[in-house]
């Protein structure tokens, strides 16, 4: 008899334990809703990341397009008439530096190129004072620089 009672008690305890651990239909529905919400949230985050990536690529394409257009505009500016090799050297350095400034990838690189342009302008003035270039050369080089700036700004 004791064995039978013990068996029935164990069976009853197991049934109670099973019943307590088993979810009601409402609990199951709540769990399913939470899972669905989590999946929807994850999908939304994935869509947002994809959208941001596409926007970044679009922005990058616009930037490179503007850079290419500015380079093309600079290349169409006619070379100034210069009287000697010293003036031509200044013009060449200036042209390369302006293009490098347009093509700069970082703000630091852009600032370095801006400084280099200023140094070339200072060299231009110094060489004029030293008599190494003529006033016409000086003016033509500065006009070329102004034309480059105007052409590159008209693109943006």
C-alpha atoms as a PDB file:
ATOM      1  CA  UNK A   1       0.000   0.000   0.000  1.00  0.00           C
ATOM      2  CA  UNK A   2       2.803   2.350   0.857  1.00  0.00           C
ATOM      3  CA  UNK A   3       4.314   1.751  -2.532  1.00  0.00           C
ATOM      4  CA  UNK A   4       1.020   2.535  -4.233  1.00  0.00           C
ATOM      5  CA  UNK A   5       0.577   5.735  -2.239  1.00  0.00           C
ATOM      6  CA  UNK A   6       4.118   6.770  -2.988  1.00  0.00           C
ATOM      7  CA  UNK A   7       3.569   5.990  -6.655  1.00  0.00           C
ATOM      8  CA  UNK A   8       0.322   7.981  -6.777  1.00  0.00           C
ATOM      9  CA  UNK A   9       1.945  10.876  -4.911  1.00  0.00           C
ATOM     10  CA  UNK A  10       4.849  10.883  -7.369  1.00  0.00           C
ATOM     11  CA  UNK A  11       2.441  10.737 -10.266  1.00  0.00           C
ATOM     12  CA  UNK A  12       0.372  13.597  -8.847  1.00  0.00           C
ATOM     13  CA  UNK A  13       3.498  15.661  -8.176  1.00  0.00           C
ATOM     14  CA  UNK A  14       4.720  15.039 -11.724  1.00  0.00           C
ATOM     15  CA  UNK A  15       1.358  16.066 -13.160  1.00  0.00           C
ATOM     16  CA  UNK A  16       1.327  19.240 -11.059  1.00  0.00           C
ATOM     17  CA  UNK A  17       4.917  20.037 -12.019  1.00  0.00           C
ATOM     18  CA  UNK A  18       4.159  19.419 -15.695  1.00  0.00           C
ATOM     19  CA  UNK A  19       1.011  21.539 -15.497  1.00  0.00           C
ATOM     20  CA  UNK A  20       2.903  24.391 -13.837  1.00  0.00           C
ATOM     21  CA  UNK A  21       5.685  24.353 -16.404  1.00  0.00           C
ATOM     22  CA  UNK A  22       3.356  24.068 -19.360  1.00  0.00           C
ATOM     23  CA  UNK A  23       2.363  27.429 -20.824  1.00  0.00           C
ATOM     24  CA  UNK A  24      -1.177  28.547 -21.247  1.00  0.00           C
ATOM     25  CA  UNK A  25      -2.328  29.540 -24.732  1.00  0.00           C
ATOM     26  CA  UNK A  26      -2.100  33.208 -23.726  1.00  0.00           C
ATOM     27  CA  UNK A  27       1.507  32.757 -22.587  1.00  0.00           C
ATOM     28  CA  UNK A  28       2.353  30.960 -25.818  1.00  0.00           C
ATOM     29  CA  UNK A  29       0.749  33.754 -27.841  1.00  0.00           C
ATOM     30  CA  UNK A  30       2.658  36.377 -25.835  1.00  0.00           C
ATOM     31  CA  UNK A  31       5.948  34.559 -26.429  1.00  0.00           C
ATOM     32  CA  UNK A  32       5.219  34.268 -30.140  1.00  0.00           C
ATOM     33  CA  UNK A  33       4.384  37.990 -30.309  1.00  0.00           C
ATOM     34  CA  UNK A  34       7.652  38.862 -28.556  1.00  0.00           C
ATOM     35  CA  UNK A  35       9.575  36.689 -31.008  1.00  0.00           C
ATOM     36  CA  UNK A  36       7.771  38.325 -33.938  1.00  0.00           C
ATOM     37  CA  UNK A  37       8.493  41.802 -32.530  1.00  0.00           C
ATOM     38  CA  UNK A  38      12.171  40.920 -32.096  1.00  0.00           C
ATOM     39  CA  UNK A  39      12.353  39.650 -35.674  1.00  0.00           C
ATOM     40  CA  UNK A  40      10.609  42.796 -36.940  1.00  0.00           C
ATOM     41  CA  UNK A  41      13.010  44.985 -34.950  1.00  0.00           C
ATOM     42  CA  UNK A  42      16.011  43.091 -36.319  1.00  0.00           C
ATOM     43  CA  UNK A  43      14.644  43.429 -39.862  1.00  0.00           C
ATOM     44  CA  UNK A  44      14.059  47.133 -39.312  1.00  0.00           C
ATOM     45  CA  UNK A  45      17.628  47.586 -38.070  1.00  0.00           C
ATOM     46  CA  UNK A  46      18.963  45.673 -41.088  1.00  0.00           C
ATOM     47  CA  UNK A  47      16.893  47.846 -43.422  1.00  0.00           C
ATOM     48  CA  UNK A  48      18.162  50.999 -41.704  1.00  0.00           C
ATOM     49  CA  UNK A  49      21.770  49.838 -41.997  1.00  0.00           C
ATOM     50  CA  UNK A  50      21.252  49.032 -45.677  1.00  0.00           C
ATOM     51  CA  UNK A  51      19.653  52.433 -46.240  1.00  0.00           C
ATOM     52  CA  UNK A  52      22.527  54.217 -44.486  1.00  0.00           C
ATOM     53  CA  UNK A  53      25.037  52.248 -46.536  1.00  0.00           C
ATOM     54  CA  UNK A  54      23.253  53.172 -49.762  1.00  0.00           C
ATOM     55  CA  UNK A  55      23.123  56.832 -48.725  1.00  0.00           C
ATOM     56  CA  UNK A  56      26.842  56.789 -47.923  1.00  0.00           C
ATOM     57  CA  UNK A  57      27.622  55.252 -51.322  1.00  0.00           C
ATOM     58  CA  UNK A  58      25.427  57.844 -53.030  1.00  0.00           C
ATOM     59  CA  UNK A  59      27.179  60.657 -51.164  1.00  0.00           C
ATOM     60  CA  UNK A  60      30.554  59.198 -52.088  1.00  0.00           C
ATOM     61  CA  UNK A  61      29.505  59.015 -55.749  1.00  0.00           C
ATOM     62  CA  UNK A  62      28.420  62.670 -55.673  1.00  0.00           C
ATOM     63  CA  UNK A  63      31.720  63.708 -54.078  1.00  0.00           C
ATOM     64  CA  UNK A  64      33.794  61.838 -56.659  1.00  0.00           C
ATOM     65  CA  UNK A  65      31.638  63.220 -59.438  1.00  0.00           C
ATOM     66  CA  UNK A  66      32.245  66.755 -58.150  1.00  0.00           C
ATOM     67  CA  UNK A  67      35.977  66.083 -57.887  1.00  0.00           C
ATOM     68  CA  UNK A  68      36.069  64.805 -61.469  1.00  0.00           C
ATOM     69  CA  UNK A  69      34.084  67.809 -62.698  1.00  0.00           C
ATOM     70  CA  UNK A  70      36.395  70.228 -60.863  1.00  0.00           C
ATOM     71  CA  UNK A  71      39.457  68.506 -62.326  1.00  0.00           C
ATOM     72  CA  UNK A  72      37.946  68.768 -65.791  1.00  0.00           C
ATOM     73  CA  UNK A  73      37.140  72.456 -65.284  1.00  0.00           C
ATOM     74  CA  UNK A  74      40.717  73.129 -64.148  1.00  0.00           C
ATOM     75  CA  UNK A  75      42.137  71.288 -67.154  1.00  0.00           C
ATOM     76  CA  UNK A  76      40.169  73.562 -69.506  1.00  0.00           C
ATOM     77  CA  UNK A  77      41.752  76.742 -68.142  1.00  0.00           C
ATOM     78  CA  UNK A  78      44.292  77.945 -70.689  1.00  0.00           C
ATOM     79  CA  UNK A  79      47.910  78.145 -69.603  1.00  0.00           C
ATOM     80  CA  UNK A  80      49.099  81.706 -69.053  1.00  0.00           C
ATOM     81  CA  UNK A  81      51.689  83.290 -71.324  1.00  0.00           C
ATOM     82  CA  UNK A  82      54.910  83.298 -69.302  1.00  0.00           C
ATOM     83  CA  UNK A  83      58.263  84.808 -70.193  1.00  0.00           C
ATOM     84  CA  UNK A  84      60.799  82.448 -68.623  1.00  0.00           C
ATOM     85  CA  UNK A  85      61.441  79.034 -67.080  1.00  0.00           C
ATOM     86  CA  UNK A  86      61.168  80.362 -63.520  1.00  0.00           C
ATOM     87  CA  UNK A  87      57.627  81.608 -64.135  1.00  0.00           C
ATOM     88  CA  UNK A  88      56.712  78.364 -65.891  1.00  0.00           C
ATOM     89  CA  UNK A  89      58.029  76.404 -62.905  1.00  0.00           C
ATOM     90  CA  UNK A  90      55.831  78.431 -60.531  1.00  0.00           C
ATOM     91  CA  UNK A  91      52.821  77.922 -62.803  1.00  0.00           C
ATOM     92  CA  UNK A  92      53.449  74.160 -63.016  1.00  0.00           C
ATOM     93  CA  UNK A  93      53.848  73.798 -59.244  1.00  0.00           C
ATOM     94  CA  UNK A  94      50.725  75.857 -58.697  1.00  0.00           C
ATOM     95  CA  UNK A  95      48.654  73.831 -61.168  1.00  0.00           C
ATOM     96  CA  UNK A  96      49.703  70.509 -59.632  1.00  0.00           C
ATOM     97  CA  UNK A  97      49.038  71.775 -56.124  1.00  0.00           C
ATOM     98  CA  UNK A  98      45.572  73.062 -57.024  1.00  0.00           C
ATOM     99  CA  UNK A  99      44.677  69.675 -58.521  1.00  0.00           C
ATOM    100  CA  UNK A 100      46.094  67.915 -55.450  1.00  0.00           C
ATOM    101  CA  UNK A 101      43.969  70.209 -53.262  1.00  0.00           C
ATOM    102  CA  UNK A 102      40.842  69.282 -55.204  1.00  0.00           C
ATOM    103  CA  UNK A 103      41.690  65.579 -54.936  1.00  0.00           C
ATOM    104  CA  UNK A 104      42.533  65.702 -51.198  1.00  0.00           C
ATOM    105  CA  UNK A 105      40.942  62.831 -49.287  1.00  0.00           C
ATOM    106  CA  UNK A 106      41.289  64.228 -45.754  1.00  0.00           C
ATOM    107  CA  UNK A 107      40.943  67.630 -44.151  1.00  0.00           C
ATOM    108  CA  UNK A 108      44.595  67.491 -43.086  1.00  0.00           C
ATOM    109  CA  UNK A 109      45.726  66.814 -46.640  1.00  0.00           C
ATOM    110  CA  UNK A 110      43.519  69.658 -47.891  1.00  0.00           C
ATOM    111  CA  UNK A 111      45.018  72.045 -45.327  1.00  0.00           C
ATOM    112  CA  UNK A 112      48.535  71.019 -46.365  1.00  0.00           C
ATOM    113  CA  UNK A 113      47.695  71.789 -49.991  1.00  0.00           C
ATOM    114  CA  UNK A 114      46.154  75.146 -49.004  1.00  0.00           C
ATOM    115  CA  UNK A 115      49.410  75.977 -47.207  1.00  0.00           C
ATOM    116  CA  UNK A 116      51.401  74.876 -50.261  1.00  0.00           C
ATOM    117  CA  UNK A 117      49.310  77.165 -52.488  1.00  0.00           C
ATOM    118  CA  UNK A 118      49.997  80.055 -50.121  1.00  0.00           C
ATOM    119  CA  UNK A 119      53.743  79.279 -50.198  1.00  0.00           C
ATOM    120  CA  UNK A 120      53.680  79.291 -54.011  1.00  0.00           C
ATOM    121  CA  UNK A 121      51.899  82.660 -53.968  1.00  0.00           C
ATOM    122  CA  UNK A 122      54.593  83.958 -51.608  1.00  0.00           C
ATOM    123  CA  UNK A 123      57.314  82.541 -53.886  1.00  0.00           C
ATOM    124  CA  UNK A 124      55.623  84.295 -56.787  1.00  0.00           C
ATOM    125  CA  UNK A 125      55.796  87.657 -54.974  1.00  0.00           C
ATOM    126  CA  UNK A 126      59.366  87.051 -53.805  1.00  0.00           C
ATOM    127  CA  UNK A 127      60.544  86.168 -57.312  1.00  0.00           C
ATOM    128  CA  UNK A 128      58.872  89.301 -58.661  1.00  0.00           C
ATOM    129  CA  UNK A 129      60.735  91.424 -56.109  1.00  0.00           C
ATOM    130  CA  UNK A 130      63.993  89.637 -56.926  1.00  0.00           C
ATOM    131  CA  UNK A 131      63.457  90.311 -60.629  1.00  0.00           C
ATOM    132  CA  UNK A 132      63.341  86.613 -61.517  1.00  0.00           C
ATOM    133  CA  UNK A 133      59.882  86.986 -63.101  1.00  0.00           C
ATOM    134  CA  UNK A 134      58.131  89.933 -64.711  1.00  0.00           C
ATOM    135  CA  UNK A 135      55.089  91.801 -63.455  1.00  0.00           C
ATOM    136  CA  UNK A 136      53.148  90.255 -66.326  1.00  0.00           C
ATOM    137  CA  UNK A 137      54.230  86.754 -65.226  1.00  0.00           C
ATOM    138  CA  UNK A 138      53.225  87.566 -61.652  1.00  0.00           C
ATOM    139  CA  UNK A 139      49.813  88.837 -62.720  1.00  0.00           C
ATOM    140  CA  UNK A 140      49.214  85.915 -65.101  1.00  0.00           C
ATOM    141  CA  UNK A 141      50.060  83.343 -62.414  1.00  0.00           C
ATOM    142  CA  UNK A 142      47.695  84.992 -59.909  1.00  0.00           C
ATOM    143  CA  UNK A 143      44.990  85.220 -62.579  1.00  0.00           C
ATOM    144  CA  UNK A 144      45.465  81.520 -63.329  1.00  0.00           C
ATOM    145  CA  UNK A 145      45.054  80.742 -59.624  1.00  0.00           C
ATOM    146  CA  UNK A 146      41.901  82.878 -59.415  1.00  0.00           C
ATOM    147  CA  UNK A 147      40.517  81.135 -62.514  1.00  0.00           C
ATOM    148  CA  UNK A 148      41.247  77.734 -60.921  1.00  0.00           C
ATOM    149  CA  UNK A 149      39.411  78.704 -57.746  1.00  0.00           C
ATOM    150  CA  UNK A 150      36.474  80.084 -59.717  1.00  0.00           C
ATOM    151  CA  UNK A 151      36.269  76.947 -61.872  1.00  0.00           C
ATOM    152  CA  UNK A 152      36.411  74.571 -58.914  1.00  0.00           C
ATOM    153  CA  UNK A 153      33.836  76.557 -56.916  1.00  0.00           C
ATOM    154  CA  UNK A 154      31.411  76.708 -59.837  1.00  0.00           C
ATOM    155  CA  UNK A 155      31.138  72.909 -59.726  1.00  0.00           C
ATOM    156  CA  UNK A 156      29.917  72.723 -56.129  1.00  0.00           C
END
